[in-house]
């Protein structure tokens, strides 16, 4: 998994542009189910190509609780070395290592980790084994809204676990 952060002296990241494009597309559009969002997100941009949108289910989410925590992600230890605020991107690898970039164009560099901070190797366990249930009161409220949404969407609301 890689994570990028905002550079100094800039006020926009790529995700800001994506978010604005999607917001513009969905403004004023009736949305009845999550799949309606997915469809609109894919249609929000045509060029250079439509956004790659992945519809997630409960099976996608992983539990990283047992993989440990780090006391510090500071890339250097001496005065004058890079600080946490200098990091532009972090990459968490399956072998338990963490890599960083100080500039987006840089190659990935391994983050020096103390032995006790080494992240557990391997794949995390699945976080959820089934869809999360909603409270009965929420289910009932959603059922009462069905009289104002298209009947094609009713089965989505009927199938919500509660």
N, C-alpha and C. Protein backbone atom coordinates (compact mmCIF):
# COMPACT_ATOMS: atom_id res chain seq x y z
N UNK A 1 0.86 -1.16 0.00
CA UNK A 1 0.00 0.00 0.00
C UNK A 1 0.91 1.23 0.00
N UNK A 2 0.62 2.18 -0.87
CA UNK A 2 1.40 3.41 -0.92
C UNK A 2 0.51 4.59 -0.56
N UNK A 3 1.09 5.56 0.14
CA UNK A 3 0.36 6.75 0.56
C UNK A 3 1.20 7.97 0.20
N UNK A 4 0.62 8.92 -0.50
CA UNK A 4 1.32 10.16 -0.85
C UNK A 4 0.75 11.32 -0.06
N UNK A 5 1.59 12.33 0.18
CA UNK A 5 1.12 13.49 0.94
C UNK A 5 1.35 14.77 0.14
N UNK A 6 0.74 15.83 0.60
CA UNK A 6 0.79 17.13 -0.05
C UNK A 6 2.18 17.74 0.08
N UNK A 7 2.67 18.34 -0.98
CA UNK A 7 3.97 19.02 -0.97
C UNK A 7 3.84 20.41 -0.35
N UNK A 8 4.96 20.90 0.18
CA UNK A 8 4.98 22.27 0.67
C UNK A 8 4.73 23.23 -0.48
N UNK A 9 4.14 24.36 -0.18
CA UNK A 9 3.88 25.42 -1.15
C UNK A 9 2.91 25.01 -2.26
N UNK A 10 2.13 23.98 -2.02
CA UNK A 10 1.07 23.62 -2.96
C UNK A 10 -0.21 23.53 -2.15
N UNK A 11 -1.32 23.67 -2.82
CA UNK A 11 -2.58 23.62 -2.08
C UNK A 11 -3.56 22.62 -2.67
N UNK A 12 -3.09 21.75 -3.56
CA UNK A 12 -3.99 20.77 -4.14
C UNK A 12 -3.26 19.46 -4.41
N UNK A 13 -3.93 18.38 -4.12
CA UNK A 13 -3.43 17.05 -4.47
C UNK A 13 -4.30 16.52 -5.61
N UNK A 14 -3.83 15.47 -6.26
CA UNK A 14 -4.59 14.86 -7.35
C UNK A 14 -5.98 14.46 -6.89
N UNK A 15 -6.10 13.97 -5.64
CA UNK A 15 -7.41 13.54 -5.15
C UNK A 15 -8.39 14.69 -5.06
N UNK A 16 -7.89 15.92 -4.85
CA UNK A 16 -8.78 17.08 -4.80
C UNK A 16 -9.46 17.28 -6.15
N UNK A 17 -8.71 17.13 -7.22
CA UNK A 17 -9.26 17.27 -8.57
C UNK A 17 -10.28 16.17 -8.85
N UNK A 18 -9.95 14.95 -8.45
CA UNK A 18 -10.87 13.82 -8.64
C UNK A 18 -12.17 14.08 -7.89
N UNK A 19 -12.04 14.50 -6.64
CA UNK A 19 -13.21 14.77 -5.81
C UNK A 19 -14.08 15.86 -6.44
N UNK A 20 -13.47 16.93 -6.91
CA UNK A 20 -14.22 18.03 -7.52
C UNK A 20 -14.94 17.58 -8.78
N UNK A 21 -14.28 16.75 -9.59
CA UNK A 21 -14.89 16.25 -10.82
C UNK A 21 -16.10 15.38 -10.52
N UNK A 22 -15.98 14.52 -9.52
CA UNK A 22 -17.09 13.64 -9.14
C UNK A 22 -18.23 14.46 -8.53
N UNK A 23 -17.91 15.41 -7.66
CA UNK A 23 -18.95 16.26 -7.06
C UNK A 23 -19.74 17.00 -8.13
N UNK A 24 -19.05 17.48 -9.15
CA UNK A 24 -19.72 18.19 -10.24
C UNK A 24 -20.68 17.25 -10.98
N UNK A 25 -20.26 16.00 -11.18
CA UNK A 25 -21.08 15.03 -11.91
C UNK A 25 -22.34 14.64 -11.12
N UNK A 26 -22.23 14.50 -9.80
CA UNK A 26 -23.37 14.00 -9.02
C UNK A 26 -24.31 15.11 -8.55
N UNK A 27 -23.89 16.36 -8.73
CA UNK A 27 -24.72 17.48 -8.26
C UNK A 27 -26.09 17.45 -8.95
N UNK A 28 -27.13 17.41 -8.15
CA UNK A 28 -28.49 17.45 -8.66
C UNK A 28 -29.02 16.13 -9.21
N UNK A 29 -28.24 15.06 -9.10
CA UNK A 29 -28.65 13.75 -9.62
C UNK A 29 -29.25 12.92 -8.49
N UNK A 30 -30.35 12.24 -8.75
CA UNK A 30 -30.95 11.36 -7.75
C UNK A 30 -30.11 10.09 -7.63
N UNK A 31 -29.75 9.76 -6.40
CA UNK A 31 -28.95 8.57 -6.13
C UNK A 31 -29.73 7.73 -5.14
N UNK A 32 -30.00 6.48 -5.52
CA UNK A 32 -30.81 5.60 -4.68
C UNK A 32 -30.02 4.48 -4.01
N UNK A 33 -28.93 4.05 -4.65
CA UNK A 33 -28.14 2.95 -4.10
C UNK A 33 -26.65 3.25 -4.31
N UNK A 34 -25.77 2.55 -3.60
CA UNK A 34 -24.33 2.76 -3.81
C UNK A 34 -23.90 2.52 -5.26
N UNK A 35 -24.54 1.60 -5.95
CA UNK A 35 -24.15 1.35 -7.34
C UNK A 35 -24.43 2.56 -8.23
N UNK A 36 -25.39 3.40 -7.84
CA UNK A 36 -25.63 4.65 -8.58
C UNK A 36 -24.40 5.57 -8.49
N UNK A 37 -23.78 5.62 -7.30
CA UNK A 37 -22.55 6.40 -7.13
C UNK A 37 -21.45 5.86 -8.03
N UNK A 38 -21.28 4.55 -8.04
CA UNK A 38 -20.22 3.93 -8.84
C UNK A 38 -20.39 4.30 -10.31
N UNK A 39 -21.59 4.19 -10.80
CA UNK A 39 -21.87 4.52 -12.21
C UNK A 39 -21.51 5.97 -12.50
N UNK A 40 -21.93 6.89 -11.63
CA UNK A 40 -21.64 8.30 -11.84
C UNK A 40 -20.15 8.62 -11.72
N UNK A 41 -19.45 7.95 -10.81
CA UNK A 41 -18.01 8.17 -10.67
C UNK A 41 -17.28 7.74 -11.94
N UNK A 42 -17.69 6.62 -12.51
CA UNK A 42 -17.07 6.16 -13.76
C UNK A 42 -17.35 7.13 -14.90
N UNK A 43 -18.52 7.75 -14.90
CA UNK A 43 -18.91 8.68 -15.97
C UNK A 43 -18.37 10.10 -15.75
N UNK A 44 -17.82 10.38 -14.58
CA UNK A 44 -17.41 11.74 -14.24
C UNK A 44 -16.29 12.25 -15.13
N UNK A 45 -15.44 11.36 -15.59
CA UNK A 45 -14.34 11.78 -16.45
C UNK A 45 -14.27 10.87 -17.67
N UNK A 46 -14.11 11.47 -18.83
CA UNK A 46 -13.99 10.71 -20.07
C UNK A 46 -12.53 10.65 -20.51
N UNK A 47 -11.86 11.82 -20.51
CA UNK A 47 -10.47 11.90 -20.98
C UNK A 47 -9.54 12.23 -19.84
N UNK A 48 -8.37 11.66 -19.74
CA UNK A 48 -7.79 10.74 -20.71
C UNK A 48 -8.44 9.36 -20.70
N UNK A 49 -9.07 9.00 -19.59
CA UNK A 49 -9.85 7.76 -19.51
C UNK A 49 -10.75 7.86 -18.29
N UNK A 50 -11.82 7.08 -18.25
CA UNK A 50 -12.70 7.13 -17.06
C UNK A 50 -11.93 6.71 -15.80
N UNK A 51 -12.39 7.21 -14.67
CA UNK A 51 -11.78 6.81 -13.41
C UNK A 51 -11.94 5.31 -13.21
N UNK A 52 -10.93 4.69 -12.61
CA UNK A 52 -11.00 3.28 -12.26
C UNK A 52 -11.69 3.20 -10.90
N UNK A 53 -12.91 2.72 -10.88
CA UNK A 53 -13.72 2.69 -9.66
C UNK A 53 -13.93 1.24 -9.25
N UNK A 54 -13.67 0.96 -8.00
CA UNK A 54 -13.84 -0.39 -7.49
C UNK A 54 -14.96 -0.40 -6.45
N UNK A 55 -15.96 -1.22 -6.66
CA UNK A 55 -17.09 -1.35 -5.73
C UNK A 55 -16.64 -2.31 -4.64
N UNK A 56 -16.52 -1.84 -3.42
CA UNK A 56 -15.98 -2.64 -2.32
C UNK A 56 -17.09 -3.33 -1.54
N UNK A 57 -16.76 -4.51 -1.04
CA UNK A 57 -17.67 -5.22 -0.15
C UNK A 57 -16.92 -5.50 1.16
N UNK A 58 -17.60 -6.12 2.10
CA UNK A 58 -16.99 -6.38 3.41
C UNK A 58 -15.71 -7.21 3.30
N UNK A 59 -15.59 -8.05 2.30
CA UNK A 59 -14.43 -8.91 2.14
C UNK A 59 -13.16 -8.18 1.76
N UNK A 60 -13.26 -6.94 1.34
CA UNK A 60 -12.09 -6.16 0.93
C UNK A 60 -11.25 -5.71 2.12
N UNK A 61 -11.87 -5.46 3.26
CA UNK A 61 -11.21 -4.82 4.38
C UNK A 61 -10.39 -5.80 5.21
N UNK A 62 -9.17 -5.37 5.56
CA UNK A 62 -8.25 -6.20 6.32
C UNK A 62 -8.03 -5.61 7.71
N UNK A 63 -7.68 -6.48 8.65
CA UNK A 63 -7.45 -6.07 10.03
C UNK A 63 -5.94 -6.02 10.29
N UNK A 64 -5.42 -4.82 10.46
CA UNK A 64 -3.99 -4.63 10.68
C UNK A 64 -3.63 -4.50 12.16
N UNK A 65 -4.57 -4.76 13.04
CA UNK A 65 -4.36 -4.59 14.48
C UNK A 65 -3.15 -5.36 14.99
N UNK A 66 -2.95 -6.58 14.52
CA UNK A 66 -1.86 -7.42 15.02
C UNK A 66 -0.53 -7.16 14.33
N UNK A 67 -0.48 -6.17 13.46
CA UNK A 67 0.74 -5.91 12.72
C UNK A 67 1.66 -4.91 13.40
N UNK A 68 1.30 -4.47 14.59
CA UNK A 68 2.18 -3.62 15.37
C UNK A 68 2.05 -2.14 15.07
N UNK A 69 2.72 -1.36 15.89
CA UNK A 69 2.74 0.09 15.70
C UNK A 69 4.19 0.55 15.73
N UNK A 70 4.43 1.71 15.18
CA UNK A 70 5.77 2.27 15.13
C UNK A 70 5.86 3.46 16.07
N UNK A 71 7.00 3.56 16.75
CA UNK A 71 7.21 4.72 17.62
C UNK A 71 7.52 5.95 16.78
N UNK A 72 8.15 5.74 15.61
CA UNK A 72 8.53 6.87 14.77
C UNK A 72 8.69 6.41 13.32
N UNK A 73 8.37 7.30 12.39
CA UNK A 73 8.65 7.03 10.98
C UNK A 73 9.66 8.05 10.46
N UNK A 74 10.44 8.64 11.36
CA UNK A 74 11.46 9.61 10.97
C UNK A 74 12.54 8.88 10.18
N UNK A 75 12.83 9.34 8.94
CA UNK A 75 13.80 8.63 8.11
C UNK A 75 15.25 8.75 8.58
N UNK A 76 15.58 9.80 9.32
CA UNK A 76 16.95 9.98 9.78
C UNK A 76 17.04 10.03 11.29
N UNK A 77 18.26 9.89 11.80
CA UNK A 77 18.45 9.89 13.25
C UNK A 77 19.32 11.05 13.72
N UNK A 78 20.11 11.64 12.81
CA UNK A 78 21.04 12.69 13.20
C UNK A 78 20.50 14.08 12.83
N UNK A 79 21.10 15.08 13.44
CA UNK A 79 20.76 16.47 13.13
C UNK A 79 21.04 16.71 11.64
N UNK A 80 20.09 17.32 10.96
CA UNK A 80 20.25 17.58 9.54
C UNK A 80 19.65 16.51 8.65
N UNK A 81 19.36 15.33 9.22
CA UNK A 81 18.70 14.27 8.44
C UNK A 81 17.25 14.67 8.17
N UNK A 82 16.65 13.96 7.24
CA UNK A 82 15.25 14.22 6.90
C UNK A 82 14.34 14.00 8.10
N UNK A 83 13.27 14.78 8.17
CA UNK A 83 12.26 14.65 9.22
C UNK A 83 11.00 14.02 8.64
N UNK A 84 10.07 13.68 9.51
CA UNK A 84 8.79 13.11 9.10
C UNK A 84 8.07 14.04 8.13
N UNK A 85 8.16 15.34 8.37
CA UNK A 85 7.46 16.30 7.51
C UNK A 85 8.07 16.41 6.12
N UNK A 86 9.25 15.84 5.92
CA UNK A 86 9.89 15.84 4.60
C UNK A 86 9.40 14.68 3.73
N UNK A 87 8.77 13.69 4.33
CA UNK A 87 8.31 12.51 3.60
C UNK A 87 7.16 12.90 2.68
N UNK A 88 7.26 12.50 1.41
CA UNK A 88 6.20 12.77 0.43
C UNK A 88 5.37 11.52 0.14
N UNK A 89 5.94 10.33 0.35
CA UNK A 89 5.19 9.10 0.09
C UNK A 89 5.72 7.98 0.97
N UNK A 90 4.81 7.14 1.45
CA UNK A 90 5.15 5.95 2.23
C UNK A 90 4.59 4.73 1.53
N UNK A 91 5.33 3.63 1.59
CA UNK A 91 4.89 2.37 0.98
C UNK A 91 5.08 1.26 2.01
N UNK A 92 3.98 0.59 2.34
CA UNK A 92 3.99 -0.50 3.31
C UNK A 92 4.05 -1.81 2.53
N UNK A 93 5.11 -2.58 2.72
CA UNK A 93 5.34 -3.80 1.94
C UNK A 93 4.93 -5.03 2.73
N UNK A 94 4.54 -6.08 2.00
CA UNK A 94 4.08 -7.31 2.64
C UNK A 94 5.18 -8.00 3.46
N UNK A 95 6.44 -7.73 3.16
CA UNK A 95 7.52 -8.36 3.92
C UNK A 95 7.79 -7.67 5.25
N UNK A 96 6.98 -6.66 5.59
CA UNK A 96 7.11 -5.99 6.87
C UNK A 96 7.96 -4.73 6.83
N UNK A 97 8.54 -4.42 5.69
CA UNK A 97 9.35 -3.21 5.58
C UNK A 97 8.47 -2.03 5.16
N UNK A 98 8.99 -0.85 5.41
CA UNK A 98 8.32 0.38 5.00
C UNK A 98 9.34 1.17 4.18
N UNK A 99 8.89 1.70 3.05
CA UNK A 99 9.76 2.50 2.21
C UNK A 99 9.20 3.92 2.12
N UNK A 100 10.06 4.87 1.80
CA UNK A 100 9.62 6.26 1.73
C UNK A 100 10.28 6.97 0.55
N UNK A 101 9.68 8.11 0.19
CA UNK A 101 10.25 9.02 -0.81
C UNK A 101 10.21 10.42 -0.21
N UNK A 102 11.29 11.16 -0.42
CA UNK A 102 11.32 12.56 0.00
C UNK A 102 10.86 13.47 -1.14
N UNK A 103 10.99 13.01 -2.37
CA UNK A 103 10.49 13.68 -3.56
C UNK A 103 9.75 12.63 -4.37
N UNK A 104 8.69 13.02 -5.06
CA UNK A 104 7.90 12.04 -5.81
C UNK A 104 8.73 11.34 -6.87
N UNK A 105 9.72 12.03 -7.43
CA UNK A 105 10.53 11.45 -8.50
C UNK A 105 11.61 10.50 -7.97
N UNK A 106 11.86 10.51 -6.67
CA UNK A 106 12.89 9.65 -6.06
C UNK A 106 12.52 8.18 -6.15
N UNK A 107 13.55 7.33 -6.05
CA UNK A 107 13.31 5.89 -5.89
C UNK A 107 12.89 5.64 -4.45
N UNK A 108 12.23 4.51 -4.22
CA UNK A 108 11.83 4.15 -2.86
C UNK A 108 13.08 3.82 -2.05
N UNK A 109 13.13 4.28 -0.79
CA UNK A 109 14.21 4.02 0.15
C UNK A 109 13.63 3.33 1.37
N UNK A 110 14.32 2.30 1.88
CA UNK A 110 13.82 1.59 3.06
C UNK A 110 13.93 2.48 4.30
N UNK A 111 12.88 2.50 5.07
CA UNK A 111 12.85 3.25 6.32
C UNK A 111 13.58 2.43 7.37
N UNK A 112 14.59 3.02 8.05
CA UNK A 112 15.28 2.26 9.09
C UNK A 112 14.36 2.06 10.30
N UNK A 113 14.09 0.81 10.62
CA UNK A 113 13.20 0.50 11.75
C UNK A 113 13.98 -0.23 12.83
N UNK A 114 13.81 0.17 14.09
CA UNK A 114 14.38 -0.61 15.18
C UNK A 114 13.79 -2.02 15.16
N UNK A 115 14.51 -2.98 15.67
CA UNK A 115 14.06 -4.38 15.64
C UNK A 115 12.66 -4.56 16.22
N UNK A 116 12.39 -3.90 17.34
CA UNK A 116 11.09 -4.07 17.98
C UNK A 116 9.96 -3.44 17.18
N UNK A 117 10.31 -2.56 16.25
CA UNK A 117 9.28 -1.90 15.45
C UNK A 117 8.98 -2.61 14.14
N UNK A 118 9.67 -3.70 13.85
CA UNK A 118 9.42 -4.39 12.58
C UNK A 118 7.97 -4.83 12.51
N UNK A 119 7.35 -4.51 11.40
CA UNK A 119 5.95 -4.86 11.19
C UNK A 119 5.85 -6.35 10.89
N UNK A 120 4.83 -7.00 11.41
CA UNK A 120 4.62 -8.43 11.18
C UNK A 120 4.52 -8.72 9.69
N UNK A 121 5.18 -9.78 9.25
CA UNK A 121 5.13 -10.16 7.84
C UNK A 121 3.85 -10.89 7.51
N UNK A 122 3.54 -10.94 6.22
CA UNK A 122 2.41 -11.73 5.75
C UNK A 122 1.18 -10.89 5.47
N UNK A 123 0.11 -11.59 5.27
CA UNK A 123 -1.15 -10.94 4.94
C UNK A 123 -2.02 -10.81 6.18
N UNK A 124 -2.64 -9.66 6.36
CA UNK A 124 -3.54 -9.49 7.51
C UNK A 124 -4.80 -10.32 7.33
N UNK A 125 -5.45 -10.58 8.45
CA UNK A 125 -6.72 -11.32 8.40
C UNK A 125 -7.82 -10.41 7.88
N UNK A 126 -8.85 -11.05 7.38
CA UNK A 126 -10.02 -10.32 6.90
C UNK A 126 -10.71 -9.66 8.09
N UNK A 127 -11.09 -8.40 7.95
CA UNK A 127 -11.71 -7.67 9.05
C UNK A 127 -13.13 -8.14 9.32
N UNK A 128 -13.91 -8.38 8.26
CA UNK A 128 -15.31 -8.76 8.43
C UNK A 128 -15.60 -10.06 7.68
N UNK A 129 -16.36 -10.93 8.28
CA UNK A 129 -16.75 -12.18 7.62
C UNK A 129 -18.12 -12.07 6.97
N UNK A 130 -18.83 -11.02 7.26
CA UNK A 130 -20.16 -10.80 6.68
C UNK A 130 -20.43 -9.30 6.63
N UNK A 131 -21.45 -8.92 5.90
CA UNK A 131 -21.84 -7.51 5.85
C UNK A 131 -22.21 -7.03 7.26
N UNK A 132 -21.88 -5.80 7.57
CA UNK A 132 -22.22 -5.25 8.87
C UNK A 132 -23.72 -5.00 8.96
N UNK A 133 -24.25 -5.26 10.12
CA UNK A 133 -25.69 -5.05 10.34
C UNK A 133 -25.93 -3.60 10.73
N UNK A 134 -27.10 -3.10 10.34
CA UNK A 134 -27.52 -1.77 10.77
C UNK A 134 -28.58 -1.95 11.85
N UNK A 135 -28.78 -0.90 12.64
CA UNK A 135 -29.80 -0.97 13.69
C UNK A 135 -31.18 -1.12 13.07
N UNK A 136 -32.06 -1.77 13.80
CA UNK A 136 -33.42 -1.98 13.31
C UNK A 136 -34.11 -0.65 13.03
N UNK A 137 -33.88 0.34 13.87
CA UNK A 137 -34.51 1.65 13.66
C UNK A 137 -34.06 2.27 12.33
N UNK A 138 -32.78 2.12 12.00
CA UNK A 138 -32.29 2.65 10.72
C UNK A 138 -32.91 1.87 9.56
N UNK A 139 -32.98 0.55 9.71
CA UNK A 139 -33.60 -0.28 8.68
C UNK A 139 -35.04 0.17 8.45
N UNK A 140 -35.77 0.37 9.54
CA UNK A 140 -37.17 0.80 9.43
C UNK A 140 -37.30 2.16 8.75
N UNK A 141 -36.40 3.09 9.09
CA UNK A 141 -36.43 4.41 8.45
C UNK A 141 -36.15 4.30 6.95
N UNK A 142 -35.20 3.45 6.59
CA UNK A 142 -34.90 3.27 5.17
C UNK A 142 -36.08 2.63 4.44
N UNK A 143 -36.75 1.70 5.11
CA UNK A 143 -37.93 1.08 4.50
C UNK A 143 -39.02 2.12 4.24
N UNK A 144 -39.16 3.05 5.17
CA UNK A 144 -40.20 4.07 5.01
C UNK A 144 -39.88 5.04 3.86
N UNK A 145 -38.63 5.10 3.45
CA UNK A 145 -38.24 5.98 2.34
C UNK A 145 -38.52 5.36 0.97
N UNK A 146 -38.83 4.09 0.95
CA UNK A 146 -39.01 3.41 -0.33
C UNK A 146 -40.15 4.00 -1.16
N UNK A 147 -41.08 4.69 -0.53
CA UNK A 147 -42.18 5.26 -1.31
C UNK A 147 -41.75 6.46 -2.14
N UNK A 148 -40.52 6.96 -1.93
CA UNK A 148 -40.05 8.10 -2.73
C UNK A 148 -38.87 7.73 -3.65
N UNK A 149 -38.50 6.46 -3.69
CA UNK A 149 -37.42 6.04 -4.59
C UNK A 149 -37.96 5.04 -5.60
N UNK A 150 -37.23 4.90 -6.68
CA UNK A 150 -37.64 3.98 -7.74
C UNK A 150 -37.78 2.56 -7.20
N UNK A 151 -38.78 1.85 -7.68
CA UNK A 151 -39.01 0.47 -7.21
C UNK A 151 -37.85 -0.45 -7.57
N UNK A 152 -37.07 -0.10 -8.60
CA UNK A 152 -35.90 -0.91 -8.96
C UNK A 152 -34.89 -0.98 -7.81
N UNK A 153 -34.88 0.01 -6.93
CA UNK A 153 -33.91 0.06 -5.83
C UNK A 153 -34.44 -0.59 -4.55
N UNK A 154 -35.70 -0.97 -4.50
CA UNK A 154 -36.29 -1.50 -3.27
C UNK A 154 -35.58 -2.76 -2.77
N UNK A 155 -35.16 -3.63 -3.68
CA UNK A 155 -34.52 -4.89 -3.25
C UNK A 155 -33.21 -4.62 -2.52
N UNK A 156 -32.51 -3.54 -2.88
CA UNK A 156 -31.28 -3.18 -2.16
C UNK A 156 -31.60 -2.92 -0.70
N UNK A 157 -32.64 -2.14 -0.44
CA UNK A 157 -33.01 -1.78 0.93
C UNK A 157 -33.60 -2.97 1.69
N UNK A 158 -34.32 -3.83 0.99
CA UNK A 158 -34.88 -5.03 1.63
C UNK A 158 -33.79 -5.99 2.08
N UNK A 159 -32.67 -6.02 1.36
CA UNK A 159 -31.60 -6.98 1.64
C UNK A 159 -30.59 -6.49 2.68
N UNK A 160 -30.76 -5.28 3.20
CA UNK A 160 -29.81 -4.77 4.19
C UNK A 160 -29.87 -5.61 5.47
N UNK A 161 -28.72 -6.12 5.93
CA UNK A 161 -28.73 -6.89 7.18
C UNK A 161 -29.03 -6.00 8.38
N UNK A 162 -29.89 -6.48 9.25
CA UNK A 162 -30.26 -5.69 10.43
C UNK A 162 -30.52 -6.61 11.62
